Amino acid sequence: MKTYLAQTIVVKVMVIKIQRLASILPMVVLLGACSAANDDPSETVAVNGHESAPSAIAAAATLDTFDTEYETFELIQLASGLEHPWGMAFLPDGQILITERPGRLQLWNNGELTEISGTPQVNAQGQGGLLDVAIHPDFNDNGWLYLTYAKPDGNGRTATALGRARLEGANLEAWEDIFVQNRYSQPGRHYGSRLAWAQDGTLLMTIGDRGSEPPRAQDLNDHAGKVLRLNDDGSIPSDNPFVDDPDALDEIYAYGVRNTQGMVVDPASGDIWTTDHGPRGGDEINRIEAGLNYGWPLVTRGLDYGSEGPFPDAINRRMEGVIEPFYEFLPTHAPSGLAWVSGDTFPAWEGNLLAGGLRSERIRRVVFDEQEVLHEEELLLQEVGRIRDVRQGPDGYIYVLNDASKAGLYRLAP
């Protein structure tokens, strides 16, 4: 049994570091290139598309038991052999849909993985590929599932897109794109792409600033760097905040975000919570509200990659008319995946956020009230590597995807 407050055994740390060093040496050149391009190396892994699935071997094994400040849980590996998984969604019958960035959709069912056919063509370069997945709130009645992905235009450019289909056995039927961002650009970075259902039945979707031109996040005629709000068929809700503004796109719900890869809705209040990547530092938790500007890149607490000075497009750390982050992660977290804990499975964590971290290789449990964060706790520090997604399942357990060429699906159970 492990206790987070106890000291780590030195020998174990040395072994882990040696193993990790061997695994990351092939990526050194890639990371250096990302830094030179003013990208975020902590969230960039090169992925090449594949026509066929890798060997995705399902397995269920309890890896360890952890004592945390208020809860004890077992870490159980449910599947292995996944290639850079990105998102997951829970079907009513207990099966789990899992996206893999090279373009595959897997269905986990009681320890078995089945590849689903009929997914769209994706550009799996850099951070692109098949990204998030969500099912319709009325899935039992209509069967719709939704996927976000990096859509190629045939001329070397990509856009963040949203499509839907019906799951029939091991196939997607009636696929249709219901939203494609209005400007294609060079592939590889900052697709955003998290999905979440608002309490009123509308679909929330994030799009990153696409990396090379951060000021796009402030342009209301560009979908980049935005949180969008759509009806379930991709149409525009009549009460979106910019519907009556001729100088803004109707899909926009909030703007001025960099690369939001965590989003969850408070099941009680309906509040929308997100985690957003900063550049060097400046990783944020935001409470998203209609029509508001969250500042990127004019206002940021992050720094430039190369010089470690102020970010080139930044004007200040604060500005009138710009919403300050609800919380800034220190040190850098590189957040991806966000869960809201509710129910009696983890009663001491009720109402907490669980924020996955890529570069930080941990989950941060965030305790807060209406005004501020009150406490943080680190979970799974360097236990499963880079954490891409964190969700609470309908069964109350916490589910985790890590980000690796041979990654896994994990469950936290008391």
Protein backbone atom coordinates (compact mmCIF):
# COMPACT_ATOMS: atom_id res chain seq x y z
CA MET A 1 0.00 0.00 0.00
CA LYS A 2 1.23 3.51 -0.85
CA THR A 3 0.68 6.78 0.95
CA TYR A 4 1.12 10.08 -0.91
CA LEU A 5 2.39 11.76 2.22
CA ALA A 6 5.13 9.20 2.71
CA GLN A 7 8.59 9.59 1.24
CA THR A 8 9.26 7.86 -2.10
CA ILE A 9 11.71 5.01 -2.05
CA VAL A 10 14.87 6.21 -3.76
CA VAL A 11 15.60 2.96 -5.56
CA LYS A 12 12.15 2.92 -7.15
CA VAL A 13 12.52 6.51 -8.34
CA MET A 14 15.88 5.69 -9.95
CA VAL A 15 14.44 2.70 -11.76
CA ILE A 16 11.47 4.71 -13.03
CA LYS A 17 13.72 7.52 -14.23
CA ILE A 18 15.99 5.12 -16.10
CA GLN A 19 13.01 3.47 -17.78
CA ARG A 20 11.51 6.81 -18.76
CA LEU A 21 14.80 8.08 -20.11
CA ALA A 22 14.98 5.13 -22.45
CA SER A 23 11.41 5.72 -23.62
CA ILE A 24 11.78 9.45 -24.35
CA LEU A 25 15.15 9.53 -26.11
CA PRO A 26 13.55 9.10 -29.56
CA MET A 27 11.42 12.19 -28.91
CA VAL A 28 14.19 14.63 -28.07
CA VAL A 29 14.49 15.96 -31.61
CA LEU A 30 10.72 16.35 -31.87
CA LEU A 31 10.43 18.30 -28.63
CA GLY A 32 13.24 20.62 -29.57
CA ALA A 33 11.55 21.35 -32.86
CA CYS A 34 8.27 22.11 -31.09
CA SER A 35 9.94 24.61 -28.76
CA ALA A 36 11.59 26.36 -31.70
CA ALA A 37 8.17 26.67 -33.34
CA ASN A 38 6.71 28.30 -30.21
CA ASP A 39 4.42 25.31 -29.68
CA ASP A 40 3.79 23.43 -26.44
CA PRO A 41 6.16 20.44 -26.28
CA SER A 42 4.38 19.14 -23.21
CA GLU A 43 1.29 18.32 -25.26
CA THR A 44 2.84 17.38 -28.62
CA VAL A 45 3.51 13.80 -29.66
CA ALA A 46 4.04 12.83 -33.28
CA VAL A 47 1.47 10.32 -34.47
CA ASN A 48 1.25 8.73 -37.89
CA GLY A 49 -2.09 7.45 -39.14
CA HIS A 50 -2.57 3.70 -39.59
CA GLU A 51 -4.97 1.83 -41.85
CA SER A 52 -5.31 -1.03 -39.39
CA ALA A 53 -5.51 -1.18 -35.63
CA PRO A 54 -2.52 -2.09 -33.47
CA SER A 55 -2.66 -5.05 -31.16
CA ALA A 56 -5.04 -3.70 -28.54
CA ILE A 57 -4.91 -6.28 -25.78
CA ALA A 58 -7.56 -5.97 -23.13
CA ALA A 59 -6.50 -6.72 -19.58
CA ALA A 60 -7.92 -6.22 -16.12
CA ALA A 61 -5.45 -6.12 -13.27
CA THR A 62 -5.21 -4.29 -9.96
CA LEU A 63 -1.91 -2.43 -10.11
CA ASP A 64 -1.80 -0.96 -6.61
CA THR A 65 -3.77 0.55 -3.74
CA PHE A 66 -3.35 4.20 -2.78
CA ASP A 67 -4.09 6.04 0.44
CA THR A 68 -4.84 9.69 -0.30
CA GLU A 69 -5.79 12.44 2.12
CA TYR A 70 -9.45 11.42 2.38
CA GLU A 71 -10.03 8.39 0.15
CA THR A 72 -8.39 5.02 -0.49
CA PHE A 73 -8.65 3.57 -3.99
CA GLU A 74 -7.37 0.74 -6.15
CA LEU A 75 -5.83 1.47 -9.55
CA ILE A 76 -7.13 -1.13 -12.01
CA GLN A 77 -5.95 -1.44 -15.59
CA LEU A 78 -8.87 -2.40 -17.84
CA ALA A 79 -7.16 -2.35 -21.25
CA SER A 80 -3.73 -1.91 -22.81
CA GLY A 81 -2.30 -1.52 -26.31
CA LEU A 82 -4.25 1.65 -27.13
CA GLU A 83 -2.40 4.07 -29.42
CA HIS A 84 -2.57 7.64 -28.12
CA PRO A 85 -6.17 7.46 -26.86
CA TRP A 86 -7.83 10.87 -26.53
CA GLY A 87 -11.39 10.67 -25.27
CA MET A 88 -13.99 8.27 -23.90
CA ALA A 89 -17.75 8.03 -23.50
CA PHE A 90 -19.89 5.62 -21.48
CA LEU A 91 -22.74 3.73 -23.14
CA PRO A 92 -25.88 2.98 -21.11
CA ASP A 93 -25.09 -0.77 -21.07
CA GLY A 94 -21.67 -0.27 -19.45
CA GLN A 95 -19.54 -0.39 -22.59
CA ILE A 96 -16.99 2.40 -23.15
CA LEU A 97 -16.13 4.12 -26.43
CA ILE A 98 -12.48 5.18 -26.73
CA THR A 99 -10.94 7.30 -29.48
CA GLU A 100 -7.37 6.81 -30.70
CA ARG A 101 -5.73 9.76 -32.41
CA PRO A 102 -4.55 7.82 -35.49
CA GLY A 103 -8.23 7.55 -36.42
CA ARG A 104 -9.67 4.52 -34.68
CA LEU A 105 -12.68 4.18 -32.40
CA GLN A 106 -12.55 1.28 -29.94
CA LEU A 107 -15.40 -0.26 -27.95
CA TRP A 108 -14.46 -1.71 -24.55
CA ASN A 109 -16.79 -4.39 -23.25
CA ASN A 110 -15.97 -6.48 -20.18
CA GLY A 111 -12.27 -6.69 -20.95
CA GLU A 112 -12.52 -6.94 -24.75
CA LEU A 113 -11.70 -4.25 -27.30
CA THR A 114 -13.48 -4.09 -30.66
CA GLU A 115 -12.61 -1.60 -33.40
CA ILE A 116 -15.62 0.29 -34.76
CA SER A 117 -15.66 0.88 -38.51
CA GLY A 118 -16.97 3.94 -40.32
CA THR A 119 -14.92 6.68 -38.64
CA PRO A 120 -14.11 9.79 -40.73
CA GLN A 121 -10.79 10.38 -42.46
CA VAL A 122 -8.54 12.35 -40.10
CA ASN A 123 -5.21 14.14 -40.23
CA ALA A 124 -3.18 12.53 -37.44
CA GLN A 125 -0.22 14.88 -37.66
CA GLY A 126 1.12 16.33 -34.40
CA GLN A 127 -1.78 16.85 -31.99
CA GLY A 128 -4.40 16.15 -34.67
CA GLY A 129 -6.41 13.03 -35.36
CA LEU A 130 -9.59 11.51 -33.96
CA LEU A 131 -10.20 13.41 -30.75
CA ASP A 132 -13.20 13.54 -28.41
CA VAL A 133 -16.32 11.40 -28.28
CA ALA A 134 -19.70 11.96 -26.61
CA ILE A 135 -23.08 10.28 -26.75
CA HIS A 136 -26.40 12.09 -27.00
CA PRO A 137 -28.25 12.56 -23.67
CA ASP A 138 -31.14 10.62 -25.28
CA PHE A 139 -28.86 7.95 -26.76
CA ASN A 140 -31.24 5.15 -25.79
CA ASP A 141 -33.89 6.73 -28.01
CA ASN A 142 -31.91 8.16 -30.94
CA GLY A 143 -28.55 6.32 -30.91
CA TRP A 144 -26.47 9.37 -31.85
CA LEU A 145 -22.79 9.56 -30.94
CA TYR A 146 -20.53 12.52 -31.68
CA LEU A 147 -16.84 12.71 -32.64
CA THR A 148 -14.47 15.64 -33.04
CA TYR A 149 -11.47 15.34 -35.33
CA ALA A 150 -8.81 17.11 -37.36
CA LYS A 151 -10.42 17.29 -40.81
CA PRO A 152 -8.09 17.54 -43.84
CA ASP A 153 -9.03 19.74 -46.80
CA GLY A 154 -6.91 17.88 -49.37
CA ASN A 155 -4.46 20.77 -49.66
CA GLY A 156 -2.36 20.12 -46.55
CA ARG A 157 -4.52 22.11 -44.16
CA THR A 158 -6.88 21.05 -41.38
CA ALA A 159 -9.84 22.27 -39.34
CA THR A 160 -11.48 21.08 -36.14
CA ALA A 161 -14.69 19.33 -37.12
CA LEU A 162 -17.66 17.71 -35.39
CA GLY A 163 -19.68 14.84 -36.79
CA ARG A 164 -22.29 12.39 -35.63
CA ALA A 165 -23.38 8.86 -36.48
CA ARG A 166 -25.40 5.99 -35.10
CA LEU A 167 -23.70 2.95 -33.61
CA GLU A 168 -24.97 -0.26 -35.18
CA GLY A 169 -23.07 -3.26 -33.84
CA ALA A 170 -19.41 -2.62 -34.69
CA ASN A 171 -20.19 0.02 -37.36
CA LEU A 172 -20.97 3.72 -37.51
CA GLU A 173 -23.98 4.38 -39.73
CA ALA A 174 -25.37 7.61 -41.21
CA TRP A 175 -22.17 9.60 -40.57
CA GLU A 176 -22.52 13.34 -41.15
CA ASP A 177 -20.38 16.37 -40.42
CA ILE A 178 -22.53 18.84 -38.50
CA PHE A 179 -19.88 21.50 -37.89
CA VAL A 180 -16.53 22.43 -39.46
CA GLN A 181 -14.61 25.48 -38.27
CA ASN A 182 -14.65 28.28 -40.80
CA ARG A 183 -10.93 28.53 -41.50
CA TYR A 184 -8.54 25.72 -42.40
CA SER A 185 -4.89 26.18 -41.42
CA GLN A 186 -1.59 24.34 -41.14
CA PRO A 187 -1.96 21.02 -39.31
CA GLY A 188 -0.48 19.85 -36.05
CA ARG A 189 -1.43 22.05 -33.13
CA HIS A 190 -4.11 23.32 -30.78
CA TYR A 191 -7.33 21.68 -31.95
CA GLY A 192 -8.97 21.98 -28.53
CA SER A 193 -11.87 19.63 -29.20
CA ARG A 194 -13.49 18.75 -25.87
CA LEU A 195 -17.23 18.12 -25.86
CA ALA A 196 -19.76 18.46 -23.03
CA TRP A 197 -23.54 18.62 -22.85
CA ALA A 198 -25.01 21.67 -21.15
CA GLN A 199 -28.01 21.24 -18.87
CA ASP A 200 -30.35 22.65 -21.51
CA GLY A 201 -29.39 19.92 -24.00
CA THR A 202 -27.08 22.03 -26.15
CA LEU A 203 -23.63 20.74 -27.06
CA LEU A 204 -20.50 22.64 -25.98
CA MET A 205 -17.32 22.27 -28.03
CA THR A 206 -13.88 23.84 -27.66
CA ILE A 207 -11.53 24.83 -30.48
CA GLY A 208 -7.92 25.85 -29.86
CA ASP A 209 -6.19 28.86 -31.42
CA ARG A 210 -4.49 26.45 -33.90
CA GLY A 211 -1.03 27.47 -32.70
CA SER A 212 0.58 29.59 -35.40
CA GLU A 213 -1.61 32.70 -35.05
CA PRO A 214 -2.69 33.16 -31.42
CA PRO A 215 -4.58 36.45 -32.07
CA ARG A 216 -7.23 34.38 -33.88
CA ALA A 217 -8.63 33.69 -30.40
CA GLN A 218 -9.74 37.36 -30.20
CA ASP A 219 -11.29 37.48 -33.68
CA LEU A 220 -15.05 36.97 -33.41
CA ASN A 221 -15.21 36.09 -37.11
CA ASP A 222 -12.95 33.07 -36.53
CA HIS A 223 -13.89 29.90 -34.64
CA ALA A 224 -10.31 29.38 -33.40
CA GLY A 225 -9.70 29.95 -29.68
CA LYS A 226 -13.37 29.67 -28.76
CA VAL A 227 -15.96 27.72 -26.80
CA LEU A 228 -18.91 26.98 -29.09
CA ARG A 229 -22.53 26.13 -28.29
CA LEU A 230 -24.59 24.11 -30.78
CA ASN A 231 -27.87 22.29 -30.99
CA ASP A 232 -27.62 18.50 -31.27
CA ASP A 233 -27.89 18.68 -35.08
CA GLY A 234 -25.19 21.35 -35.41
CA SER A 235 -27.60 24.24 -35.81
CA ILE A 236 -27.26 27.40 -33.75
CA PRO A 237 -29.25 28.04 -30.57
CA SER A 238 -31.30 31.21 -30.91
CA ASP A 239 -30.10 32.50 -27.52
CA ASN A 240 -26.36 32.27 -28.19
CA PRO A 241 -24.68 35.50 -27.06
CA PHE A 242 -23.56 36.75 -30.50
CA VAL A 243 -26.56 35.71 -32.61
CA ASP A 244 -27.61 39.33 -33.17
CA ASP A 245 -24.08 40.65 -33.72
CA PRO A 246 -23.26 41.01 -37.44
CA ASP A 247 -19.55 41.15 -36.58
CA ALA A 248 -19.39 37.80 -34.79
CA LEU A 249 -20.01 34.14 -35.59
CA ASP A 250 -23.26 32.85 -34.16
CA GLU A 251 -21.77 29.57 -32.83
CA ILE A 252 -19.45 31.38 -30.39
CA TYR A 253 -20.36 31.09 -26.71
CA ALA A 254 -17.10 32.44 -25.18
CA TYR A 255 -13.72 33.42 -26.60
CA GLY A 256 -10.07 34.15 -25.85
CA VAL A 257 -8.96 30.59 -24.95
CA ARG A 258 -5.73 28.95 -26.10
CA ASN A 259 -6.19 25.17 -26.22
CA THR A 260 -8.95 23.93 -23.94
CA GLN A 261 -8.72 20.14 -23.52
CA GLY A 262 -10.74 19.72 -20.33
CA MET A 263 -14.43 20.57 -19.94
CA VAL A 264 -17.16 19.40 -17.59
CA VAL A 265 -20.57 20.67 -16.48
CA ASP A 266 -21.55 20.79 -12.81
CA PRO A 267 -24.54 18.43 -12.69
CA ALA A 268 -26.23 20.49 -9.96
CA SER A 269 -25.71 24.12 -10.98
CA GLY A 270 -25.01 23.75 -14.69
CA ASP A 271 -21.79 25.76 -14.39
CA ILE A 272 -19.29 25.07 -17.19
CA TRP A 273 -15.72 24.39 -16.07
CA THR A 274 -12.70 24.11 -18.34
CA THR A 275 -8.94 23.67 -18.17
CA ASP A 276 -6.82 25.52 -20.71
CA HIS A 277 -3.18 25.10 -21.72
CA GLY A 278 -0.99 28.17 -21.28
CA PRO A 279 2.33 28.58 -23.14
CA ARG A 280 5.22 28.27 -20.67
CA GLY A 281 3.10 28.44 -17.53
CA GLY A 282 -0.31 30.06 -17.47
CA ASP A 283 -2.33 26.81 -17.34
CA GLU A 284 -5.81 27.74 -16.13
CA ILE A 285 -9.13 26.62 -14.71
CA ASN A 286 -11.95 28.77 -16.07
CA ARG A 287 -15.65 29.02 -15.32
CA ILE A 288 -17.16 29.69 -18.74
CA GLU A 289 -20.02 32.15 -19.12
CA ALA A 290 -21.86 33.36 -22.20
CA GLY A 291 -20.25 36.13 -24.22
CA LEU A 292 -17.18 36.61 -22.04
CA ASN A 293 -13.56 37.13 -23.12
CA TYR A 294 -10.96 34.97 -21.36
CA GLY A 295 -8.09 37.01 -22.67
CA TRP A 296 -5.76 34.82 -24.73
CA PRO A 297 -3.33 35.93 -26.10
CA LEU A 298 -3.64 39.56 -24.98
CA VAL A 299 -3.79 38.62 -21.31
CA THR A 300 -1.82 35.65 -20.00
CA ARG A 301 0.32 34.68 -17.05
CA GLY A 302 2.36 32.36 -19.25
CA LEU A 303 5.72 33.16 -20.83
CA ASP A 304 7.30 32.84 -24.26
CA TYR A 305 8.92 29.46 -24.90
CA GLY A 306 12.18 30.70 -26.33
CA SER A 307 13.00 33.81 -24.32
CA GLU A 308 11.03 32.98 -21.16
CA GLY A 309 10.02 36.63 -21.28
CA PRO A 310 6.50 38.00 -21.86
CA PHE A 311 4.52 36.23 -24.58
CA PRO A 312 4.88 38.29 -27.81
CA ASP A 313 1.16 39.01 -28.28
CA ALA A 314 0.47 39.66 -24.59
CA ILE A 315 -0.33 43.16 -23.38
CA ASN A 316 -0.70 42.59 -19.67
CA ARG A 317 -1.44 40.03 -16.98
CA ARG A 318 -4.82 41.70 -16.34
CA MET A 319 -7.09 43.87 -18.44
CA GLU A 320 -10.48 45.51 -18.07
CA GLY A 321 -13.16 43.51 -19.82
CA VAL A 322 -11.17 40.27 -19.63
CA ILE A 323 -12.13 37.49 -17.22
CA GLU A 324 -9.30 36.40 -14.98
CA PRO A 325 -8.73 32.66 -14.61
CA PHE A 326 -10.58 31.09 -11.70
CA TYR A 327 -7.28 29.39 -10.88
CA GLU A 328 -3.77 29.16 -12.28
CA PHE A 329 -1.95 25.84 -11.97
CA LEU A 330 1.49 26.20 -10.41
CA PRO A 331 3.78 24.62 -11.39
CA THR A 332 2.94 23.89 -15.03
CA HIS A 333 0.35 21.14 -15.37
CA ALA A 334 -0.40 20.86 -19.14
CA PRO A 335 -4.04 20.01 -18.35
CA SER A 336 -6.11 17.57 -20.38
CA GLY A 337 -9.29 15.85 -19.25
CA LEU A 338 -11.52 17.12 -16.45
CA ALA A 339 -14.00 15.31 -14.20
CA TRP A 340 -16.57 16.56 -11.69
CA VAL A 341 -16.93 14.14 -8.78
CA SER A 342 -20.44 13.47 -7.50
CA GLY A 343 -22.33 10.67 -5.81
CA ASP A 344 -21.37 8.41 -2.92
CA THR A 345 -18.59 6.33 -4.50
CA PHE A 346 -15.96 8.88 -3.40
CA PRO A 347 -17.92 10.88 -0.80
CA ALA A 348 -14.92 12.88 0.45
CA TRP A 349 -14.35 14.15 -3.10
CA GLU A 350 -17.92 15.27 -3.67
CA GLY A 351 -17.98 18.51 -5.68
CA ASN A 352 -14.24 18.41 -6.45
CA LEU A 353 -12.62 18.71 -9.88
CA LEU A 354 -10.12 16.10 -11.08
CA ALA A 355 -7.79 17.67 -13.67
CA GLY A 356 -5.56 15.36 -15.70
CA GLY A 357 -2.04 16.47 -16.57
CA LEU A 358 0.14 15.57 -19.55
CA ARG A 359 3.58 16.98 -18.82
CA SER A 360 2.99 16.81 -15.06
CA GLU A 361 1.94 13.12 -15.22
CA ARG A 362 -0.61 13.42 -12.45
CA ILE A 363 -4.20 14.22 -11.57
CA ARG A 364 -4.80 17.28 -9.45
CA ARG A 365 -7.81 17.13 -7.14
CA VAL A 366 -9.10 20.67 -6.79
CA VAL A 367 -11.27 21.75 -3.85
CA PHE A 368 -12.99 25.12 -4.24
CA ASP A 369 -15.92 27.30 -3.31
CA GLU A 370 -17.74 29.95 -5.35
CA GLN A 371 -14.83 32.37 -5.11
CA GLU A 372 -11.55 30.48 -5.07
CA VAL A 373 -9.59 27.26 -4.88
CA LEU A 374 -9.16 26.16 -1.28
CA HIS A 375 -6.95 23.09 -1.58
CA GLU A 376 -5.17 20.80 -4.03
CA GLU A 377 -3.97 17.21 -3.83
CA GLU A 378 -1.81 15.26 -6.29
CA LEU A 379 -3.02 11.82 -7.36
CA LEU A 380 -1.22 9.13 -9.42
CA LEU A 381 1.99 11.15 -9.60
CA GLN A 382 4.10 9.47 -12.33
CA GLU A 383 2.16 6.23 -11.92
CA VAL A 384 0.64 5.94 -15.41
CA GLY A 385 2.53 8.65 -17.32
CA ARG A 386 0.91 11.47 -19.29
CA ILE A 387 -2.79 11.68 -18.49
CA ARG A 388 -5.00 12.56 -21.45
CA ASP A 389 -8.53 12.14 -20.11
CA VAL A 390 -10.29 11.81 -16.76
CA ARG A 391 -14.01 11.04 -16.43
CA GLN A 392 -16.41 9.84 -13.77
CA GLY A 393 -18.47 6.97 -15.08
CA PRO A 394 -22.17 6.38 -14.44
CA ASP A 395 -21.07 3.74 -11.90
CA GLY A 396 -19.31 6.43 -9.84
CA TYR A 397 -15.81 5.13 -10.56
CA ILE A 398 -13.11 7.38 -12.02
CA TYR A 399 -11.74 6.40 -15.44
CA VAL A 400 -8.39 7.53 -16.83
CA LEU A 401 -6.68 7.35 -20.23
CA ASN A 402 -2.95 7.91 -20.48
CA ASP A 403 -1.19 9.25 -23.58
CA ALA A 404 1.38 6.90 -25.12
CA SER A 405 1.95 4.75 -28.18
CA LYS A 406 0.98 1.77 -26.01
CA ALA A 407 -1.46 3.31 -23.58
CA GLY A 408 -4.20 2.00 -21.34
CA LEU A 409 -7.61 2.49 -19.80
CA TYR A 410 -7.61 2.61 -16.00
CA ARG A 411 -10.26 2.69 -13.29
CA LEU A 412 -10.05 4.14 -9.79
CA ALA A 413 -12.30 2.17 -7.44
CA PRO A 414 -12.61 2.42 -3.65
